[in-house]
């Protein structure tokens, strides 16, 4: 019976009706690539050029930007993959590396967003009692721990082929047999709880604690602008987290619950595949939203962005004026 179910699942073509995907995904990922490269390259340059010593927030943001930048470098291959109608021409090793960097960016992003939220919580709620946790030496150790946990989580992907042959095409990271073994649904549910639900709970608790602290301070008219900014940063992280990471993990969790309850049909597998492509795109979109967090968290980055936008605006106005003058002189 199990063999028949596996045979039916393997014969199910989940890549049907992909005409819109081969048009929309290259456009979407091209825009993500452009905005992510610009935003994250600028924050890396700003942080590395800072003359003053790094603080805890800058260290976490530097690691977050580095994670986004590494993943962004894989997007041209992904764009080419969709243009070729889900056909990966770069071999198994690069497919594994692309998959590894995708998940490393996802869970490094979740880890460092959680660290930033907890860092802001400590700075506002326990600025004296827990100030040792915000020392740069301690923060660097925490970042090393995050990278070590992420590496341990994604390292097995290097030893598993992500390239599959499907109807004459070499697909990469498509997961045709996701949940095919009996233990896989339980493992993925546990992974989602540890890697998604726990960080989300920590960010929510940090935001609630900081918000309550500021409400109490407001009654005493002792709210500082710095503490208000900390509250805004956690709120931005929470919104980014919910928008980018929640749909994917909730989609995986509900499908794994279906898989544990009954044998999924081909239609359910196709529905999961389509929803996975959309939710994965939302996860990748966090590379574009992270620079917004940098904008409000780093004053130097904010000044550089405003200055750059001012120069671009002035340049466009100058170009428009020159064009208008040439047109009037020609007429």
C-alpha atoms as a PDB file:
ATOM      1  CA  UNK A   1       0.000   0.000   0.000  1.00  0.00           C
ATOM      2  CA  UNK A   2       2.805   2.402   0.898  1.00  0.00           C
ATOM      3  CA  UNK A   3       4.597   1.552  -2.345  1.00  0.00           C
ATOM      4  CA  UNK A   4       1.445   2.366  -4.331  1.00  0.00           C
ATOM      5  CA  UNK A   5       1.098   5.704  -2.542  1.00  0.00           C
ATOM      6  CA  UNK A   6       4.728   6.580  -3.253  1.00  0.00           C
ATOM      7  CA  UNK A   7       4.262   5.581  -6.894  1.00  0.00           C
ATOM      8  CA  UNK A   8       1.159   7.748  -7.229  1.00  0.00           C
ATOM      9  CA  UNK A   9       2.948  10.674  -5.627  1.00  0.00           C
ATOM     10  CA  UNK A  10       6.008  10.303  -7.844  1.00  0.00           C
ATOM     11  CA  UNK A  11       3.812  10.141 -10.973  1.00  0.00           C
ATOM     12  CA  UNK A  12       1.991  13.328  -9.947  1.00  0.00           C
ATOM     13  CA  UNK A  13       3.147  16.257 -12.090  1.00  0.00           C
ATOM     14  CA  UNK A  14       3.302  19.219  -9.709  1.00  0.00           C
ATOM     15  CA  UNK A  15       4.779  21.510 -12.371  1.00  0.00           C
ATOM     16  CA  UNK A  16       1.634  21.766 -14.462  1.00  0.00           C
ATOM     17  CA  UNK A  17       0.171  25.207 -15.241  1.00  0.00           C
ATOM     18  CA  UNK A  18       3.482  27.026 -14.682  1.00  0.00           C
ATOM     19  CA  UNK A  19       3.109  29.543 -17.516  1.00  0.00           C
ATOM     20  CA  UNK A  20       2.597  32.479 -15.142  1.00  0.00           C
ATOM     21  CA  UNK A  21       5.506  31.376 -12.935  1.00  0.00           C
ATOM     22  CA  UNK A  22       8.085  31.487 -15.749  1.00  0.00           C
ATOM     23  CA  UNK A  23       7.068  35.102 -16.389  1.00  0.00           C
ATOM     24  CA  UNK A  24       6.400  36.477 -12.910  1.00  0.00           C
ATOM     25  CA  UNK A  25       9.240  34.844 -10.966  1.00  0.00           C
ATOM     26  CA  UNK A  26      12.098  36.161 -13.165  1.00  0.00           C
ATOM     27  CA  UNK A  27      10.644  39.680 -12.868  1.00  0.00           C
ATOM     28  CA  UNK A  28      10.089  39.355  -9.118  1.00  0.00           C
ATOM     29  CA  UNK A  29      13.533  37.940  -8.354  1.00  0.00           C
ATOM     30  CA  UNK A  30      15.216  40.492 -10.620  1.00  0.00           C
ATOM     31  CA  UNK A  31      13.637  43.292  -8.579  1.00  0.00           C
ATOM     32  CA  UNK A  32      14.583  41.547  -5.329  1.00  0.00           C
ATOM     33  CA  UNK A  33      18.158  41.212  -6.592  1.00  0.00           C
ATOM     34  CA  UNK A  34      18.440  44.915  -7.510  1.00  0.00           C
ATOM     35  CA  UNK A  35      16.941  46.281  -4.288  1.00  0.00           C
ATOM     36  CA  UNK A  36      18.766  43.787  -2.081  1.00  0.00           C
ATOM     37  CA  UNK A  37      22.171  44.432  -3.635  1.00  0.00           C
ATOM     38  CA  UNK A  38      21.749  48.208  -3.347  1.00  0.00           C
ATOM     39  CA  UNK A  39      20.346  48.209   0.189  1.00  0.00           C
ATOM     40  CA  UNK A  40      22.627  45.617   1.746  1.00  0.00           C
ATOM     41  CA  UNK A  41      25.804  46.764  -0.029  1.00  0.00           C
ATOM     42  CA  UNK A  42      25.187  50.295   1.237  1.00  0.00           C
ATOM     43  CA  UNK A  43      24.670  49.172   4.843  1.00  0.00           C
ATOM     44  CA  UNK A  44      27.827  47.035   4.707  1.00  0.00           C
ATOM     45  CA  UNK A  45      29.773  50.046   3.423  1.00  0.00           C
ATOM     46  CA  UNK A  46      28.273  52.384   6.043  1.00  0.00           C
ATOM     47  CA  UNK A  47      28.913  50.040   8.980  1.00  0.00           C
ATOM     48  CA  UNK A  48      32.458  49.189   7.875  1.00  0.00           C
ATOM     49  CA  UNK A  49      33.315  52.897   7.420  1.00  0.00           C
ATOM     50  CA  UNK A  50      32.063  53.912  10.861  1.00  0.00           C
ATOM     51  CA  UNK A  51      34.804  55.597  12.833  1.00  0.00           C
ATOM     52  CA  UNK A  52      33.210  55.055  16.215  1.00  0.00           C
ATOM     53  CA  UNK A  53      33.222  51.655  17.872  1.00  0.00           C
ATOM     54  CA  UNK A  54      30.577  49.129  16.933  1.00  0.00           C
ATOM     55  CA  UNK A  55      27.643  48.837  19.295  1.00  0.00           C
ATOM     56  CA  UNK A  56      25.541  45.716  19.785  1.00  0.00           C
ATOM     57  CA  UNK A  57      22.870  46.686  17.244  1.00  0.00           C
ATOM     58  CA  UNK A  58      25.467  47.437  14.549  1.00  0.00           C
ATOM     59  CA  UNK A  59      27.089  44.015  15.023  1.00  0.00           C
ATOM     60  CA  UNK A  60      23.759  42.194  14.649  1.00  0.00           C
ATOM     61  CA  UNK A  61      22.779  44.295  11.624  1.00  0.00           C
ATOM     62  CA  UNK A  62      26.157  43.680  10.001  1.00  0.00           C
ATOM     63  CA  UNK A  63      25.619  39.930  10.262  1.00  0.00           C
ATOM     64  CA  UNK A  64      22.058  40.249   8.961  1.00  0.00           C
ATOM     65  CA  UNK A  65      23.250  42.281   5.947  1.00  0.00           C
ATOM     66  CA  UNK A  66      26.048  39.785   5.290  1.00  0.00           C
ATOM     67  CA  UNK A  67      23.530  36.923   5.296  1.00  0.00           C
ATOM     68  CA  UNK A  68      21.261  38.779   2.858  1.00  0.00           C
ATOM     69  CA  UNK A  69      24.173  39.621   0.562  1.00  0.00           C
ATOM     70  CA  UNK A  70      25.402  36.016   0.363  1.00  0.00           C
ATOM     71  CA  UNK A  71      21.927  34.807  -0.549  1.00  0.00           C
ATOM     72  CA  UNK A  72      21.414  37.599  -3.083  1.00  0.00           C
ATOM     73  CA  UNK A  73      24.438  36.363  -5.024  1.00  0.00           C
ATOM     74  CA  UNK A  74      22.518  33.144  -5.802  1.00  0.00           C
ATOM     75  CA  UNK A  75      19.505  34.929  -7.311  1.00  0.00           C
ATOM     76  CA  UNK A  76      20.863  35.292 -10.895  1.00  0.00           C
ATOM     77  CA  UNK A  77      21.031  31.484 -11.122  1.00  0.00           C
ATOM     78  CA  UNK A  78      17.494  31.215  -9.797  1.00  0.00           C
ATOM     79  CA  UNK A  79      16.262  33.797 -12.310  1.00  0.00           C
ATOM     80  CA  UNK A  80      17.887  31.868 -15.161  1.00  0.00           C
ATOM     81  CA  UNK A  81      16.310  28.654 -13.812  1.00  0.00           C
ATOM     82  CA  UNK A  82      12.793  30.109 -14.101  1.00  0.00           C
ATOM     83  CA  UNK A  83      13.500  31.628 -17.512  1.00  0.00           C
ATOM     84  CA  UNK A  84      14.462  28.114 -18.683  1.00  0.00           C
ATOM     85  CA  UNK A  85      11.093  26.833 -17.412  1.00  0.00           C
ATOM     86  CA  UNK A  86      12.309  25.067 -14.272  1.00  0.00           C
ATOM     87  CA  UNK A  87      15.446  23.615 -15.878  1.00  0.00           C
ATOM     88  CA  UNK A  88      18.679  23.972 -13.836  1.00  0.00           C
ATOM     89  CA  UNK A  89      21.771  23.972 -16.083  1.00  0.00           C
ATOM     90  CA  UNK A  90      24.485  24.519 -13.447  1.00  0.00           C
ATOM     91  CA  UNK A  91      24.872  21.025 -12.008  1.00  0.00           C
ATOM     92  CA  UNK A  92      24.137  19.349  -8.696  1.00  0.00           C
ATOM     93  CA  UNK A  93      26.822  21.070  -6.599  1.00  0.00           C
ATOM     94  CA  UNK A  94      25.635  24.596  -7.388  1.00  0.00           C
ATOM     95  CA  UNK A  95      22.049  23.485  -6.813  1.00  0.00           C
ATOM     96  CA  UNK A  96      23.044  22.257  -3.346  1.00  0.00           C
ATOM     97  CA  UNK A  97      24.925  25.490  -2.631  1.00  0.00           C
ATOM     98  CA  UNK A  98      21.959  27.583  -3.771  1.00  0.00           C
ATOM     99  CA  UNK A  99      19.639  25.579  -1.513  1.00  0.00           C
ATOM    100  CA  UNK A 100      22.042  25.793   1.415  1.00  0.00           C
ATOM    101  CA  UNK A 101      22.398  29.585   1.104  1.00  0.00           C
ATOM    102  CA  UNK A 102      18.629  29.964   0.804  1.00  0.00           C
ATOM    103  CA  UNK A 103      17.944  28.177   4.098  1.00  0.00           C
ATOM    104  CA  UNK A 104      21.028  29.692   5.765  1.00  0.00           C
ATOM    105  CA  UNK A 105      19.741  33.174   4.905  1.00  0.00           C
ATOM    106  CA  UNK A 106      16.253  32.291   6.138  1.00  0.00           C
ATOM    107  CA  UNK A 107      17.295  31.006   9.540  1.00  0.00           C
ATOM    108  CA  UNK A 108      20.212  33.380  10.022  1.00  0.00           C
ATOM    109  CA  UNK A 109      17.734  36.189   9.290  1.00  0.00           C
ATOM    110  CA  UNK A 110      15.295  34.783  11.850  1.00  0.00           C
ATOM    111  CA  UNK A 111      18.116  34.371  14.382  1.00  0.00           C
ATOM    112  CA  UNK A 112      19.542  37.872  14.023  1.00  0.00           C
ATOM    113  CA  UNK A 113      16.095  39.528  13.967  1.00  0.00           C
ATOM    114  CA  UNK A 114      15.355  37.747  17.234  1.00  0.00           C
ATOM    115  CA  UNK A 115      18.711  38.874  18.663  1.00  0.00           C
ATOM    116  CA  UNK A 116      18.050  42.501  17.679  1.00  0.00           C
ATOM    117  CA  UNK A 117      14.605  42.389  19.326  1.00  0.00           C
ATOM    118  CA  UNK A 118      16.037  40.902  22.525  1.00  0.00           C
ATOM    119  CA  UNK A 119      18.880  43.449  22.426  1.00  0.00           C
ATOM    120  CA  UNK A 120      16.365  46.316  22.236  1.00  0.00           C
ATOM    121  CA  UNK A 121      14.363  44.695  25.043  1.00  0.00           C
ATOM    122  CA  UNK A 122      17.433  44.564  27.284  1.00  0.00           C
ATOM    123  CA  UNK A 123      18.374  48.162  26.410  1.00  0.00           C
ATOM    124  CA  UNK A 124      14.938  49.515  27.386  1.00  0.00           C
ATOM    125  CA  UNK A 125      13.625  47.203  30.126  1.00  0.00           C
ATOM    126  CA  UNK A 126      16.859  46.077  31.867  1.00  0.00           C
ATOM    127  CA  UNK A 127      19.520  48.648  30.837  1.00  0.00           C
ATOM    128  CA  UNK A 128      21.619  48.208  33.983  1.00  0.00           C
ATOM    129  CA  UNK A 129      20.954  44.688  35.251  1.00  0.00           C
ATOM    130  CA  UNK A 130      21.651  42.954  31.918  1.00  0.00           C
ATOM    131  CA  UNK A 131      24.002  45.436  30.266  1.00  0.00           C
ATOM    132  CA  UNK A 132      26.701  42.768  30.068  1.00  0.00           C
ATOM    133  CA  UNK A 133      24.634  41.025  27.364  1.00  0.00           C
ATOM    134  CA  UNK A 134      25.000  44.126  25.157  1.00  0.00           C
ATOM    135  CA  UNK A 135      28.772  44.337  25.303  1.00  0.00           C
ATOM    136  CA  UNK A 136      30.290  43.925  21.846  1.00  0.00           C
ATOM    137  CA  UNK A 137      32.450  41.013  22.983  1.00  0.00           C
ATOM    138  CA  UNK A 138      29.365  39.129  24.185  1.00  0.00           C
ATOM    139  CA  UNK A 139      27.368  40.071  21.062  1.00  0.00           C
ATOM    140  CA  UNK A 140      30.090  38.668  18.808  1.00  0.00           C
ATOM    141  CA  UNK A 141      29.913  35.385  20.708  1.00  0.00           C
ATOM    142  CA  UNK A 142      26.142  35.324  20.251  1.00  0.00           C
ATOM    143  CA  UNK A 143      26.569  35.923  16.504  1.00  0.00           C
ATOM    144  CA  UNK A 144      29.076  33.070  16.293  1.00  0.00           C
ATOM    145  CA  UNK A 145      26.565  30.865  18.116  1.00  0.00           C
ATOM    146  CA  UNK A 146      23.801  31.829  15.660  1.00  0.00           C
ATOM    147  CA  UNK A 147      26.020  31.025  12.672  1.00  0.00           C
ATOM    148  CA  UNK A 148      27.060  27.714  14.280  1.00  0.00           C
ATOM    149  CA  UNK A 149      23.432  26.681  14.884  1.00  0.00           C
ATOM    150  CA  UNK A 150      22.417  27.698  11.353  1.00  0.00           C
ATOM    151  CA  UNK A 151      25.391  25.825   9.876  1.00  0.00           C
ATOM    152  CA  UNK A 152      24.491  22.695  11.816  1.00  0.00           C
ATOM    153  CA  UNK A 153      20.905  23.016  10.635  1.00  0.00           C
ATOM    154  CA  UNK A 154      21.653  23.408   6.920  1.00  0.00           C
ATOM    155  CA  UNK A 155      24.892  21.394   6.592  1.00  0.00           C
ATOM    156  CA  UNK A 156      23.048  18.103   5.829  1.00  0.00           C
ATOM    157  CA  UNK A 157      21.789  19.718   2.602  1.00  0.00           C
ATOM    158  CA  UNK A 158      25.317  19.465   1.195  1.00  0.00           C
ATOM    159  CA  UNK A 159      25.099  15.687   1.397  1.00  0.00           C
ATOM    160  CA  UNK A 160      21.695  15.346  -0.256  1.00  0.00           C
ATOM    161  CA  UNK A 161      21.081  15.905  -3.926  1.00  0.00           C
ATOM    162  CA  UNK A 162      18.620  18.721  -4.625  1.00  0.00           C
ATOM    163  CA  UNK A 163      18.717  18.094  -8.380  1.00  0.00           C
ATOM    164  CA  UNK A 164      16.031  15.834  -9.819  1.00  0.00           C
ATOM    165  CA  UNK A 165      15.107  14.829 -13.360  1.00  0.00           C
ATOM    166  CA  UNK A 166      11.444  15.457 -14.080  1.00  0.00           C
ATOM    167  CA  UNK A 167       9.965  15.039 -17.559  1.00  0.00           C
ATOM    168  CA  UNK A 168      13.235  15.932 -19.291  1.00  0.00           C
ATOM    169  CA  UNK A 169      14.029  18.863 -16.991  1.00  0.00           C
ATOM    170  CA  UNK A 170      16.618  19.153 -14.207  1.00  0.00           C
ATOM    171  CA  UNK A 171      14.677  20.688 -11.353  1.00  0.00           C
ATOM    172  CA  UNK A 172      16.401  22.266  -8.346  1.00  0.00           C
ATOM    173  CA  UNK A 173      14.907  22.516  -4.839  1.00  0.00           C
ATOM    174  CA  UNK A 174      11.397  21.501  -5.868  1.00  0.00           C
ATOM    175  CA  UNK A 175      10.728  18.817  -3.182  1.00  0.00           C
ATOM    176  CA  UNK A 176       8.616  16.317  -5.124  1.00  0.00           C
ATOM    177  CA  UNK A 177       8.876  13.762  -2.316  1.00  0.00           C
ATOM    178  CA  UNK A 178       8.460  16.086   0.665  1.00  0.00           C
ATOM    179  CA  UNK A 179       6.858  14.142   3.491  1.00  0.00           C
ATOM    180  CA  UNK A 180       7.214  10.769   1.750  1.00  0.00           C
ATOM    181  CA  UNK A 181       8.665   9.030   4.825  1.00  0.00           C
ATOM    182  CA  UNK A 182       6.720   8.468   8.031  1.00  0.00           C
ATOM    183  CA  UNK A 183       9.094  10.419  10.267  1.00  0.00           C
ATOM    184  CA  UNK A 184       9.490  13.462   7.979  1.00  0.00           C
ATOM    185  CA  UNK A 185       6.209  15.245   8.937  1.00  0.00           C
ATOM    186  CA  UNK A 186       7.046  14.988  12.655  1.00  0.00           C
ATOM    187  CA  UNK A 187      10.593  16.206  12.055  1.00  0.00           C
ATOM    188  CA  UNK A 188       9.475  19.203   9.978  1.00  0.00           C
ATOM    189  CA  UNK A 189       6.801  20.167  12.499  1.00  0.00           C
ATOM    190  CA  UNK A 190       9.405  20.101  15.272  1.00  0.00           C
ATOM    191  CA  UNK A 191      11.799  22.132  13.094  1.00  0.00           C
ATOM    192  CA  UNK A 192       9.097  24.765  12.461  1.00  0.00           C
ATOM    193  CA  UNK A 193       8.323  25.027  16.171  1.00  0.00           C
ATOM    194  CA  UNK A 194      11.993  25.480  17.116  1.00  0.00           C
ATOM    195  CA  UNK A 195      13.066  27.655  14.171  1.00  0.00           C
ATOM    196  CA  UNK A 196       9.917  29.747  13.716  1.00  0.00           C
ATOM    197  CA  UNK A 197       7.418  29.592  16.598  1.00  0.00           C
ATOM    198  CA  UNK A 198       9.966  30.094  19.381  1.00  0.00           C
ATOM    199  CA  UNK A 199      11.665  33.133  17.736  1.00  0.00           C
ATOM    200  CA  UNK A 200       8.240  34.624  16.945  1.00  0.00           C
ATOM    201  CA  UNK A 201       7.223  34.236  20.586  1.00  0.00           C
ATOM    202  CA  UNK A 202      10.471  35.914  21.698  1.00  0.00           C
ATOM    203  CA  UNK A 203       9.932  38.881  19.346  1.00  0.00           C
ATOM    204  CA  UNK A 204       6.295  39.259  20.442  1.00  0.00           C
ATOM    205  CA  UNK A 205       7.307  39.135  24.119  1.00  0.00           C
ATOM    206  CA  UNK A 206      10.068  41.712  23.519  1.00  0.00           C
ATOM    207  CA  UNK A 207       7.700  44.100  21.764  1.00  0.00           C
ATOM    208  CA  UNK A 208       5.004  43.709  24.442  1.00  0.00           C
ATOM    209  CA  UNK A 209       7.501  44.294  27.279  1.00  0.00           C
ATOM    210  CA  UNK A 210       9.051  47.366  25.646  1.00  0.00           C
ATOM    211  CA  UNK A 211       5.593  48.752  24.804  1.00  0.00           C
ATOM    212  CA  UNK A 212       4.400  48.335  28.409  1.00  0.00           C
ATOM    213  CA  UNK A 213       7.597  49.926  29.686  1.00  0.00           C
ATOM    214  CA  UNK A 214       7.090  52.943  27.409  1.00  0.00           C
ATOM    215  CA  UNK A 215       3.431  53.263  28.405  1.00  0.00           C
ATOM    216  CA  UNK A 216       4.446  53.407  32.054  1.00  0.00           C
ATOM    217  CA  UNK A 217       7.161  55.949  31.233  1.00  0.00           C
ATOM    218  CA  UNK A 218       4.689  58.064  29.261  1.00  0.00           C
ATOM    219  CA  UNK A 219       2.563  58.533  32.372  1.00  0.00           C
ATOM    220  CA  UNK A 220       5.664  59.892  34.129  1.00  0.00           C
ATOM    221  CA  UNK A 221       6.633  61.992  31.057  1.00  0.00           C
ATOM    222  CA  UNK A 222      10.028  60.294  30.931  1.00  0.00           C
ATOM    223  CA  UNK A 223      10.025  58.644  27.500  1.00  0.00           C
ATOM    224  CA  UNK A 224      13.269  59.175  25.603  1.00  0.00           C
ATOM    225  CA  UNK A 225      13.480  59.323  21.843  1.00  0.00           C
ATOM    226  CA  UNK A 226      15.986  56.475  21.938  1.00  0.00           C
ATOM    227  CA  UNK A 227      13.503  54.176  23.680  1.00  0.00           C
ATOM    228  CA  UNK A 228      10.755  55.131  21.230  1.00  0.00           C
ATOM    229  CA  UNK A 229      13.100  54.247  18.386  1.00  0.00           C
ATOM    230  CA  UNK A 230      13.824  50.876  20.004  1.00  0.00           C
ATOM    231  CA  UNK A 231      10.090  50.167  20.132  1.00  0.00           C
ATOM    232  CA  UNK A 232       9.739  51.110  16.461  1.00  0.00           C
ATOM    233  CA  UNK A 233      12.629  48.835  15.457  1.00  0.00           C
ATOM    234  CA  UNK A 234      11.068  45.830  17.207  1.00  0.00           C
ATOM    235  CA  UNK A 235       7.712  46.610  15.571  1.00  0.00           C
ATOM    236  CA  UNK A 236       9.382  46.723  12.127  1.00  0.00           C
ATOM    237  CA  UNK A 237      11.090  43.395  12.813  1.00  0.00           C
ATOM    238  CA  UNK A 238       7.799  41.878  13.965  1.00  0.00           C
ATOM    239  CA  UNK A 239       5.952  43.040  10.835  1.00  0.00           C
ATOM    240  CA  UNK A 240       8.771  41.819   8.555  1.00  0.00           C
ATOM    241  CA  UNK A 241       8.837  38.500  10.391  1.00  0.00           C
ATOM    242  CA  UNK A 242       5.075  37.993  10.065  1.00  0.00           C
ATOM    243  CA  UNK A 243       4.930  39.068   6.413  1.00  0.00           C
ATOM    244  CA  UNK A 244       7.955  37.126   5.149  1.00  0.00           C
ATOM    245  CA  UNK A 245       8.373  34.061   7.346  1.00  0.00           C
ATOM    246  CA  UNK A 246       4.904  33.214   8.681  1.00  0.00           C
ATOM    247  CA  UNK A 247       3.220  32.175   5.382  1.00  0.00           C
ATOM    248  CA  UNK A 248       5.934  29.645   4.493  1.00  0.00           C
ATOM    249  CA  UNK A 249       6.121  27.992   7.901  1.00  0.00           C
ATOM    250  CA  UNK A 250       2.355  27.914   8.392  1.00  0.00           C
ATOM    251  CA  UNK A 251       2.023  26.390   4.921  1.00  0.00           C
ATOM    252  CA  UNK A 252       4.559  23.662   5.734  1.00  0.00           C
ATOM    253  CA  UNK A 253       2.970  22.993   9.118  1.00  0.00           C
ATOM    254  CA  UNK A 254      -0.556  22.621   7.753  1.00  0.00           C
ATOM    255  CA  UNK A 255       0.646  20.318   4.963  1.00  0.00           C
ATOM    256  CA  UNK A 256       2.601  18.168   7.417  1.00  0.00           C
ATOM    257  CA  UNK A 257      -0.521  17.901   9.595  1.00  0.00           C
ATOM    258  CA  UNK A 258      -2.451  16.760   6.510  1.00  0.00           C
ATOM    259  CA  UNK A 259       0.295  14.250   5.756  1.00  0.00           C
ATOM    260  CA  UNK A 260       0.093  12.848   9.308  1.00  0.00           C
ATOM    261  CA  UNK A 261      -3.718  12.592   9.130  1.00  0.00           C
ATOM    262  CA  UNK A 262      -4.095  10.991   5.697  1.00  0.00           C
ATOM    263  CA  UNK A 263      -2.273  10.200   2.461  1.00  0.00           C
ATOM    264  CA  UNK A 264      -2.257  13.403   0.416  1.00  0.00           C
ATOM    265  CA  UNK A 265      -3.753  13.359  -3.056  1.00  0.00           C
ATOM    266  CA  UNK A 266      -2.112  14.658  -6.213  1.00  0.00           C
ATOM    267  CA  UNK A 267      -4.322  17.766  -6.126  1.00  0.00           C
ATOM    268  CA  UNK A 268      -3.285  18.502  -2.535  1.00  0.00           C
ATOM    269  CA  UNK A 269       0.354  18.042  -3.504  1.00  0.00           C
ATOM    270  CA  UNK A 270      -0.040  20.457  -6.419  1.00  0.00           C
ATOM    271  CA  UNK A 271      -1.762  22.984  -4.164  1.00  0.00           C
ATOM    272  CA  UNK A 272       1.057  22.722  -1.661  1.00  0.00           C
ATOM    273  CA  UNK A 273       3.623  23.152  -4.435  1.00  0.00           C
ATOM    274  CA  UNK A 274       1.983  26.318  -5.778  1.00  0.00           C
ATOM    275  CA  UNK A 275       1.572  27.803  -2.299  1.00  0.00           C
ATOM    276  CA  UNK A 276       5.187  26.905  -1.506  1.00  0.00           C
ATOM    277  CA  UNK A 277       6.458  28.839  -4.514  1.00  0.00           C
ATOM    278  CA  UNK A 278       4.509  31.909  -3.391  1.00  0.00           C
ATOM    279  CA  UNK A 279       5.511  31.673   0.281  1.00  0.00           C
ATOM    280  CA  UNK A 280       9.171  31.038  -0.609  1.00  0.00           C
ATOM    281  CA  UNK A 281       9.065  34.216  -2.704  1.00  0.00           C
ATOM    282  CA  UNK A 282       7.769  36.107   0.334  1.00  0.00           C
ATOM    283  CA  UNK A 283      10.624  34.712   2.428  1.00  0.00           C
ATOM    284  CA  UNK A 284      13.131  35.914  -0.153  1.00  0.00           C
ATOM    285  CA  UNK A 285      11.471  39.332  -0.097  1.00  0.00           C
ATOM    286  CA  UNK A 286      12.898  39.884   3.400  1.00  0.00           C
ATOM    287  CA  UNK A 287      16.201  40.832   1.685  1.00  0.00           C
ATOM    288  CA  UNK A 288      14.416  43.971   0.453  1.00  0.00           C
ATOM    289  CA  UNK A 289      12.698  44.747   3.763  1.00  0.00           C
ATOM    290  CA  UNK A 290      15.789  44.397   5.952  1.00  0.00           C
ATOM    291  CA  UNK A 291      17.273  47.688   4.604  1.00  0.00           C
ATOM    292  CA  UNK A 292      14.170  49.430   5.992  1.00  0.00           C
ATOM    293  CA  UNK A 293      15.166  48.151   9.440  1.00  0.00           C
ATOM    294  CA  UNK A 294      18.692  49.484   8.847  1.00  0.00           C
ATOM    295  CA  UNK A 295      17.200  52.857   7.861  1.00  0.00           C
ATOM    296  CA  UNK A 296      15.602  53.329  11.275  1.00  0.00           C
ATOM    297  CA  UNK A 297      18.267  51.547  13.330  1.00  0.00           C
ATOM    298  CA  UNK A 298      21.449  53.212  11.997  1.00  0.00           C
ATOM    299  CA  UNK A 299      21.559  57.003  11.837  1.00  0.00           C
ATOM    300  CA  UNK A 300      24.548  57.027   9.462  1.00  0.00           C
ATOM    301  CA  UNK A 301      22.733  54.699   7.047  1.00  0.00           C
ATOM    302  CA  UNK A 302      19.650  56.931   7.197  1.00  0.00           C
ATOM    303  CA  UNK A 303      21.741  60.021   6.377  1.00  0.00           C
ATOM    304  CA  UNK A 304      23.481  58.229   3.501  1.00  0.00           C
ATOM    305  CA  UNK A 305      20.157  57.043   2.060  1.00  0.00           C
ATOM    306  CA  UNK A 306      18.568  60.492   2.299  1.00  0.00           C
ATOM    307  CA  UNK A 307      21.666  62.052   0.747  1.00  0.00           C
ATOM    308  CA  UNK A 308      21.669  59.516  -2.093  1.00  0.00           C
ATOM    309  CA  UNK A 309      17.967  60.054  -2.748  1.00  0.00           C
ATOM    310  CA  UNK A 310      18.546  63.825  -2.737  1.00  0.00           C
ATOM    311  CA  UNK A 311      21.341  63.494  -5.301  1.00  0.00           C
ATOM    312  CA  UNK A 312      19.188  61.252  -7.502  1.00  0.00           C
ATOM    313  CA  UNK A 313      16.266  63.686  -7.268  1.00  0.00           C
ATOM    314  CA  UNK A 314      18.489  66.650  -8.116  1.00  0.00           C
ATOM    315  CA  UNK A 315      20.058  64.734 -11.009  1.00  0.00           C
ATOM    316  CA  UNK A 316      16.655  63.787 -12.441  1.00  0.00           C
ATOM    317  CA  UNK A 317      15.442  67.390 -12.186  1.00  0.00           C
ATOM    318  CA  UNK A 318      18.590  68.627 -13.940  1.00  0.00           C
ATOM    319  CA  UNK A 319      18.137  66.071 -16.717  1.00  0.00           C
ATOM    320  CA  UNK A 320      14.476  67.027 -17.148  1.00  0.00           C
ATOM    321  CA  UNK A 321      15.322  70.729 -17.302  1.00  0.00           C
ATOM    322  CA  UNK A 322      18.062  70.119 -19.876  1.00  0.00           C
ATOM    323  CA  UNK A 323      15.727  68.028 -22.015  1.00  0.00           C
ATOM    324  CA  UNK A 324      13.015  70.676 -21.842  1.00  0.00           C
ATOM    325  CA  UNK A 325      15.473  73.444 -22.831  1.00  0.00           C
ATOM    326  CA  UNK A 326      16.760  71.410 -25.793  1.00  0.00           C
ATOM    327  CA  UNK A 327      13.211  70.707 -26.946  1.00  0.00           C
ATOM    328  CA  UNK A 328      12.239  74.391 -26.774  1.00  0.00           C
ATOM    329  CA  UNK A 329      15.400  75.503 -28.602  1.00  0.00           C
ATOM    330  CA  UNK A 330      14.846  72.934 -31.367  1.00  0.00           C
ATOM    331  CA  UNK A 331      11.265  74.111 -31.865  1.00  0.00           C
END
